[in-house]
C-alpha atoms as a PDB file:
ATOM      1  CA  MET A   1     114.335-159.492  46.691  1.00  0.00           C
ATOM      2  CA  ARG A   2     113.280-155.814  46.880  1.00  0.00           C
ATOM      3  CA  THR A   3     113.318-153.946  43.540  1.00  0.00           C
ATOM      4  CA  THR A   4     111.968-150.488  42.712  1.00  0.00           C
ATOM      5  CA  VAL A   5     110.832-149.454  39.237  1.00  0.00           C
ATOM      6  CA  HIS A   6     110.656-145.680  38.790  1.00  0.00           C
ATOM      7  CA  VAL A   7     108.382-144.699  35.884  1.00  0.00           C
ATOM      8  CA  VAL A   8     109.197-141.181  34.706  1.00  0.00           C
ATOM      9  CA  ARG A   9     106.885-139.033  32.652  1.00  0.00           C
ATOM     10  CA  HIS A  10     108.719-137.098  29.924  1.00  0.00           C
ATOM     11  CA  GLY A  11     109.213-133.329  30.107  1.00  0.00           C
ATOM     12  CA  GLU A  12     107.183-130.599  28.415  1.00  0.00           C
ATOM     13  CA  VAL A  13     106.940-130.864  24.625  1.00  0.00           C
ATOM     14  CA  HIS A  14     107.446-128.083  22.081  1.00  0.00           C
ATOM     15  CA  ASN A  15     103.965-127.953  20.544  1.00  0.00           C
ATOM     16  CA  PRO A  16     103.084-124.427  19.359  1.00  0.00           C
ATOM     17  CA  GLU A  17     100.167-125.775  17.279  1.00  0.00           C
ATOM     18  CA  LYS A  18      98.628-127.216  20.474  1.00  0.00           C
ATOM     19  CA  ILE A  19      97.512-130.419  18.812  1.00  0.00           C
ATOM     20  CA  LEU A  20      97.156-133.889  20.267  1.00  0.00           C
ATOM     21  CA  TYR A  21     100.420-135.283  18.885  1.00  0.00           C
ATOM     22  CA  GLY A  22     100.196-138.815  20.312  1.00  0.00           C
ATOM     23  CA  ARG A  23     102.608-141.044  18.420  1.00  0.00           C
ATOM     24  CA  LEU A  24     103.423-138.531  15.674  1.00  0.00           C
ATOM     25  CA  PRO A  25     107.161-138.122  15.030  1.00  0.00           C
ATOM     26  CA  GLY A  26     109.005-134.834  15.436  1.00  0.00           C
ATOM     27  CA  TYR A  27     107.727-133.739  18.837  1.00  0.00           C
ATOM     28  CA  GLY A  28     110.696-133.153  21.102  1.00  0.00           C
ATOM     29  CA  LEU A  29     111.149-131.346  24.377  1.00  0.00           C
ATOM     30  CA  SER A  30     110.789-127.600  24.842  1.00  0.00           C
ATOM     31  CA  ASP A  31     113.425-125.656  26.764  1.00  0.00           C
ATOM     32  CA  THR A  32     111.271-126.093  29.861  1.00  0.00           C
ATOM     33  CA  GLY A  33     111.026-129.807  29.163  1.00  0.00           C
ATOM     34  CA  ARG A  34     114.800-130.130  29.028  1.00  0.00           C
ATOM     35  CA  GLN A  35     115.095-128.409  32.382  1.00  0.00           C
ATOM     36  CA  GLN A  36     112.497-130.778  33.819  1.00  0.00           C
ATOM     37  CA  ALA A  37     114.492-133.753  32.502  1.00  0.00           C
ATOM     38  CA  LYS A  38     117.638-132.421  34.188  1.00  0.00           C
ATOM     39  CA  ARG A  39     115.788-132.060  37.484  1.00  0.00           C
ATOM     40  CA  VAL A  40     114.603-135.674  37.228  1.00  0.00           C
ATOM     41  CA  ALA A  41     118.192-136.771  36.597  1.00  0.00           C
ATOM     42  CA  GLU A  42     119.353-134.831  39.670  1.00  0.00           C
ATOM     43  CA  HIS A  43     116.562-136.407  41.721  1.00  0.00           C
ATOM     44  CA  LEU A  44     117.682-139.903  40.693  1.00  0.00           C
ATOM     45  CA  ALA A  45     121.413-139.240  41.009  1.00  0.00           C
ATOM     46  CA  GLY A  46     121.792-141.060  44.324  1.00  0.00           C
ATOM     47  CA  ALA A  47     119.561-144.000  43.465  1.00  0.00           C
ATOM     48  CA  ASP A  48     120.848-147.541  42.926  1.00  0.00           C
ATOM     49  CA  VAL A  49     119.609-147.648  39.325  1.00  0.00           C
ATOM     50  CA  THR A  50     121.010-150.415  37.129  1.00  0.00           C
ATOM     51  CA  ALA A  51     118.557-150.412  34.177  1.00  0.00           C
ATOM     52  CA  LEU A  52     117.041-147.649  32.018  1.00  0.00           C
ATOM     53  CA  LEU A  53     114.166-148.459  29.645  1.00  0.00           C
ATOM     54  CA  VAL A  54     112.685-145.786  27.386  1.00  0.00           C
ATOM     55  CA  SER A  55     109.654-145.293  25.137  1.00  0.00           C
ATOM     56  CA  PRO A  56     110.620-144.962  21.459  1.00  0.00           C
ATOM     57  CA  MET A  57     109.025-141.501  21.192  1.00  0.00           C
ATOM     58  CA  GLN A  58     111.417-138.554  20.724  1.00  0.00           C
ATOM     59  CA  ARG A  59     110.247-136.698  23.832  1.00  0.00           C
ATOM     60  CA  ALA A  60     110.894-139.749  26.004  1.00  0.00           C
ATOM     61  CA  GLN A  61     114.296-140.414  24.454  1.00  0.00           C
ATOM     62  CA  GLU A  62     115.302-136.783  25.071  1.00  0.00           C
ATOM     63  CA  THR A  63     114.079-136.974  28.669  1.00  0.00           C
ATOM     64  CA  ALA A  64     116.230-140.062  29.174  1.00  0.00           C
ATOM     65  CA  GLU A  65     119.432-138.375  27.941  1.00  0.00           C
ATOM     66  CA  PRO A  66     120.382-136.520  31.162  1.00  0.00           C
ATOM     67  CA  ILE A  67     119.214-139.481  33.255  1.00  0.00           C
ATOM     68  CA  ALA A  68     121.499-141.825  31.300  1.00  0.00           C
ATOM     69  CA  ALA A  69     124.411-139.395  31.586  1.00  0.00           C
ATOM     70  CA  THR A  70     123.935-138.898  35.325  1.00  0.00           C
ATOM     71  CA  LEU A  71     123.567-142.598  36.114  1.00  0.00           C
ATOM     72  CA  GLY A  72     126.156-143.820  33.610  1.00  0.00           C
ATOM     73  CA  LEU A  73     123.682-146.144  31.913  1.00  0.00           C
ATOM     74  CA  GLU A  74     122.922-147.054  28.318  1.00  0.00           C
ATOM     75  CA  PRO A  75     119.186-146.509  27.624  1.00  0.00           C
ATOM     76  CA  VAL A  76     117.276-149.422  26.122  1.00  0.00           C
ATOM     77  CA  THR A  77     114.253-148.705  23.935  1.00  0.00           C
ATOM     78  CA  GLU A  78     111.154-150.563  25.159  1.00  0.00           C
ATOM     79  CA  ASP A  79     108.243-150.328  22.700  1.00  0.00           C
ATOM     80  CA  ARG A  80     105.651-151.209  25.355  1.00  0.00           C
ATOM     81  CA  LEU A  81     106.306-147.871  27.093  1.00  0.00           C
ATOM     82  CA  ILE A  82     104.993-145.934  24.070  1.00  0.00           C
ATOM     83  CA  GLU A  83     102.202-143.351  24.198  1.00  0.00           C
ATOM     84  CA  ALA A  84      98.624-144.649  23.937  1.00  0.00           C
ATOM     85  CA  ALA A  85      97.149-144.849  20.436  1.00  0.00           C
ATOM     86  CA  ASN A  86      94.483-142.183  19.823  1.00  0.00           C
ATOM     87  CA  ALA A  87      92.139-141.584  16.865  1.00  0.00           C
ATOM     88  CA  PHE A  88      92.340-137.795  17.469  1.00  0.00           C
ATOM     89  CA  GLU A  89      96.094-137.750  16.853  1.00  0.00           C
ATOM     90  CA  GLY A  90      97.142-134.660  14.891  1.00  0.00           C
ATOM     91  CA  LEU A  91      93.944-132.740  15.700  1.00  0.00           C
ATOM     92  CA  HIS A  92      92.902-129.950  18.056  1.00  0.00           C
ATOM     93  CA  VAL A  93      90.821-131.554  20.800  1.00  0.00           C
ATOM     94  CA  SER A  94      90.402-128.869  23.453  1.00  0.00           C
ATOM     95  CA  VAL A  95      86.920-128.675  24.939  1.00  0.00           C
ATOM     96  CA  GLY A  96      84.826-126.257  22.865  1.00  0.00           C
ATOM     97  CA  ASP A  97      86.942-126.280  19.738  1.00  0.00           C
ATOM     98  CA  GLY A  98      88.552-128.477  17.099  1.00  0.00           C
ATOM     99  CA  ALA A  99      87.553-132.053  16.395  1.00  0.00           C
ATOM    100  CA  LEU A 100      85.152-132.378  19.324  1.00  0.00           C
ATOM    101  CA  ARG A 101      82.773-129.903  17.647  1.00  0.00           C
ATOM    102  CA  LYS A 102      82.546-131.912  14.417  1.00  0.00           C
ATOM    103  CA  PRO A 103      79.725-134.486  14.172  1.00  0.00           C
ATOM    104  CA  GLU A 104      81.849-136.895  12.130  1.00  0.00           C
ATOM    105  CA  TYR A 105      84.028-137.476  15.181  1.00  0.00           C
ATOM    106  CA  TRP A 106      81.206-137.959  17.682  1.00  0.00           C
ATOM    107  CA  PRO A 107      80.949-141.753  17.167  1.00  0.00           C
ATOM    108  CA  LEU A 108      84.467-142.013  18.568  1.00  0.00           C
ATOM    109  CA  LEU A 109      83.138-140.697  21.881  1.00  0.00           C
ATOM    110  CA  ARG A 110      80.405-143.311  22.307  1.00  0.00           C
ATOM    111  CA  ASN A 111      82.156-145.328  25.025  1.00  0.00           C
ATOM    112  CA  PRO A 112      84.491-143.438  27.396  1.00  0.00           C
ATOM    113  CA  PHE A 113      84.887-146.529  29.571  1.00  0.00           C
ATOM    114  CA  ARG A 114      86.884-148.481  26.944  1.00  0.00           C
ATOM    115  CA  PRO A 115      87.736-145.839  25.526  1.00  0.00           C
ATOM    116  CA  SER A 116      86.230-145.878  22.030  1.00  0.00           C
ATOM    117  CA  TRP A 117      88.608-143.215  20.643  1.00  0.00           C
ATOM    118  CA  GLY A 118      91.827-145.096  21.227  1.00  0.00           C
ATOM    119  CA  GLU A 119      93.779-147.981  22.666  1.00  0.00           C
ATOM    120  CA  PRO A 120      91.712-149.820  25.302  1.00  0.00           C
ATOM    121  CA  TYR A 121      92.745-149.120  28.879  1.00  0.00           C
ATOM    122  CA  LEU A 122      93.218-152.807  29.664  1.00  0.00           C
ATOM    123  CA  GLU A 123      95.602-153.245  26.735  1.00  0.00           C
ATOM    124  CA  ILE A 124      97.606-150.246  27.931  1.00  0.00           C
ATOM    125  CA  ALA A 125      97.744-151.691  31.445  1.00  0.00           C
ATOM    126  CA  HIS A 126      98.916-155.103  30.247  1.00  0.00           C
ATOM    127  CA  ARG A 127     101.703-153.804  28.010  1.00  0.00           C
ATOM    128  CA  MET A 128     102.903-151.349  30.660  1.00  0.00           C
ATOM    129  CA  LEU A 129     102.915-154.122  33.251  1.00  0.00           C
ATOM    130  CA  GLY A 130     105.033-156.226  30.906  1.00  0.00           C
ATOM    131  CA  ALA A 131     107.518-153.369  30.529  1.00  0.00           C
ATOM    132  CA  ALA A 132     107.602-152.795  34.293  1.00  0.00           C
ATOM    133  CA  HIS A 133     108.345-156.460  34.967  1.00  0.00           C
ATOM    134  CA  ARG A 134     111.063-156.445  32.304  1.00  0.00           C
ATOM    135  CA  ALA A 135     112.645-153.509  34.142  1.00  0.00           C
ATOM    136  CA  ARG A 136     112.181-155.240  37.508  1.00  0.00           C
ATOM    137  CA  ALA A 137     113.874-158.401  36.274  1.00  0.00           C
ATOM    138  CA  ALA A 138     116.734-156.451  34.691  1.00  0.00           C
ATOM    139  CA  ALA A 139     117.416-154.570  37.935  1.00  0.00           C
ATOM    140  CA  SER A 140     116.591-157.338  40.405  1.00  0.00           C
ATOM    141  CA  GLY A 141     117.572-156.255  43.899  1.00  0.00           C
ATOM    142  CA  HIS A 142     118.293-152.699  42.742  1.00  0.00           C
ATOM    143  CA  GLU A 143     116.301-149.958  40.992  1.00  0.00           C
ATOM    144  CA  ALA A 144     115.193-149.372  37.402  1.00  0.00           C
ATOM    145  CA  VAL A 145     113.947-146.341  35.506  1.00  0.00           C
ATOM    146  CA  CYS A 146     111.343-146.394  32.731  1.00  0.00           C
ATOM    147  CA  VAL A 147     110.516-143.238  30.737  1.00  0.00           C
ATOM    148  CA  SER A 148     106.967-143.162  29.417  1.00  0.00           C
ATOM    149  CA  HIS A 149     103.858-140.998  28.985  1.00  0.00           C
ATOM    150  CA  GLN A 150     100.988-139.694  31.091  1.00  0.00           C
ATOM    151  CA  LEU A 151      98.089-141.987  30.198  1.00  0.00           C
ATOM    152  CA  PRO A 152     100.146-145.215  30.161  1.00  0.00           C
ATOM    153  CA  ILE A 153     101.671-144.355  33.554  1.00  0.00           C
ATOM    154  CA  VAL A 154      98.318-143.448  35.097  1.00  0.00           C
ATOM    155  CA  THR A 155      96.717-146.591  33.672  1.00  0.00           C
ATOM    156  CA  LEU A 156      99.473-148.807  35.084  1.00  0.00           C
ATOM    157  CA  ARG A 157      99.191-147.180  38.491  1.00  0.00           C
ATOM    158  CA  ARG A 158      95.402-147.544  38.604  1.00  0.00           C
ATOM    159  CA  PHE A 159      95.617-151.157  37.429  1.00  0.00           C
ATOM    160  CA  LEU A 160      98.153-152.116  40.098  1.00  0.00           C
ATOM    161  CA  ALA A 161      96.224-150.214  42.781  1.00  0.00           C
ATOM    162  CA  GLY A 162      93.049-152.113  41.929  1.00  0.00           C
ATOM    163  CA  GLN A 163      91.200-148.988  40.747  1.00  0.00           C
ATOM    164  CA  ARG A 164      88.867-148.739  37.753  1.00  0.00           C
ATOM    165  CA  LEU A 165      90.809-147.843  34.623  1.00  0.00           C
ATOM    166  CA  TRP A 166      88.460-145.195  33.207  1.00  0.00           C
ATOM    167  CA  HIS A 167      88.830-141.888  35.028  1.00  0.00           C
ATOM    168  CA  ASP A 168      88.596-138.103  34.824  1.00  0.00           C
ATOM    169  CA  PRO A 169      91.722-136.835  32.962  1.00  0.00           C
ATOM    170  CA  ARG A 170      91.547-133.570  34.926  1.00  0.00           C
ATOM    171  CA  LYS A 171      92.351-135.449  38.126  1.00  0.00           C
ATOM    172  CA  ARG A 172      95.403-137.381  36.983  1.00  0.00           C
ATOM    173  CA  GLU A 173      98.389-137.325  39.332  1.00  0.00           C
ATOM    174  CA  CYS A 174     101.177-137.502  36.765  1.00  0.00           C
ATOM    175  CA  SER A 175     102.880-134.155  36.187  1.00  0.00           C
ATOM    176  CA  LEU A 176     105.542-133.525  33.565  1.00  0.00           C
ATOM    177  CA  GLY A 177     108.858-134.820  34.857  1.00  0.00           C
ATOM    178  CA  SER A 178     107.150-136.760  37.649  1.00  0.00           C
ATOM    179  CA  VAL A 179     108.305-140.096  39.041  1.00  0.00           C
ATOM    180  CA  THR A 180     105.837-142.853  39.940  1.00  0.00           C
ATOM    181  CA  SER A 181     107.698-145.583  41.813  1.00  0.00           C
ATOM    182  CA  PHE A 182     106.553-149.192  42.075  1.00  0.00           C
ATOM    183  CA  VAL A 183     108.223-151.251  44.798  1.00  0.00           C
ATOM    184  CA  PHE A 184     108.314-155.018  44.321  1.00  0.00           C
ATOM    185  CA  ASP A 185     109.178-157.803  46.736  1.00  0.00           C
ATOM    186  CA  ASP A 186     110.235-160.448  44.213  1.00  0.00           C
ATOM    187  CA  GLU A 187     107.314-160.216  41.732  1.00  0.00           C
ATOM    188  CA  SER A 188     104.750-158.872  44.209  1.00  0.00           C
ATOM    189  CA  LEU A 189     103.938-155.166  44.402  1.00  0.00           C
ATOM    190  CA  VAL A 190     104.271-153.850  47.968  1.00  0.00           C
ATOM    191  CA  ASP A 191     104.172-150.057  47.573  1.00  0.00           C
ATOM    192  CA  ILE A 192     103.538-147.169  45.162  1.00  0.00           C
ATOM    193  CA  ALA A 193     105.112-143.737  45.658  1.00  0.00           C
ATOM    194  CA  TYR A 194     104.925-140.494  43.696  1.00  0.00           C
ATOM    195  CA  THR A 195     107.194-137.434  43.483  1.00  0.00           C
ATOM    196  CA  GLU A 196     107.347-134.340  41.258  1.00  0.00           C
ATOM    197  CA  PRO A 197     110.991-133.323  40.744  1.00  0.00           C
ATOM    198  CA  GLY A 198     109.958-131.618  37.498  1.00  0.00           C
ATOM    199  CA  GLY A 199     107.302-129.517  39.267  1.00  0.00           C
ATOM    200  CA  THR A 200     103.530-129.495  38.945  1.00  0.00           C
ATOM    201  CA  SER A 201     101.684-129.185  35.622  1.00  0.00           C
ATOM    202  CA  ASP A 202      98.151-129.159  34.278  1.00  0.00           C
ATOM    203  CA  PRO A 203      97.215-132.749  33.334  1.00  0.00           C
ATOM    204  CA  THR A 204      94.935-131.499  30.547  1.00  0.00           C
ATOM    205  CA  ALA A 205      97.364-129.025  28.921  1.00  0.00           C
ATOM    206  CA  THR A 206      97.900-129.597  25.198  1.00  0.00           C
ATOM    207  CA  GLY A 207     101.585-130.032  24.572  1.00  0.00           C
ATOM    208  CA  ALA A 208     102.142-131.904  27.779  1.00  0.00           C
END
């Protein structure tokens, strides 16, 4: 039974303060982000999608709105698709400024392989895999869409591809409004594909 799970990254977020917002409430899409969400919906319009699972975060829910309308589906909130937990949430973390310059935060950087500043990569991978298999089971023999966030999507992809989970954030292939597709034959992964209907974006940009 061939089933495809498309994991969509949300669109651009309105974040004039340029902070790491993480799981903070109140961060919705910018005008550009809404356009990116519409382009994703147009990209998926001809797909045989029968299930739509969405992270509880506002930006993901707003990204799902045009997808749900285009596909005629009722979105289902899936908590395991949520953004990764991060101890720097609410702070400025750009290289050379903000929290990274303050010694009191340096202990959080002691182990980038786990990572020590947030939710462990392996925990992210396991919860995202659970969400992906929920979507696969719900859309068995068809296609499903999950709307999530950059780091969880990248972690799931690296986990399923057999790659190490720690990585250079500057080299992530997961643009705003991108679609990472996992193709399953029954429960076995047989292919991974990637498209950017929302266009390219800087993986390190604050507000993304």
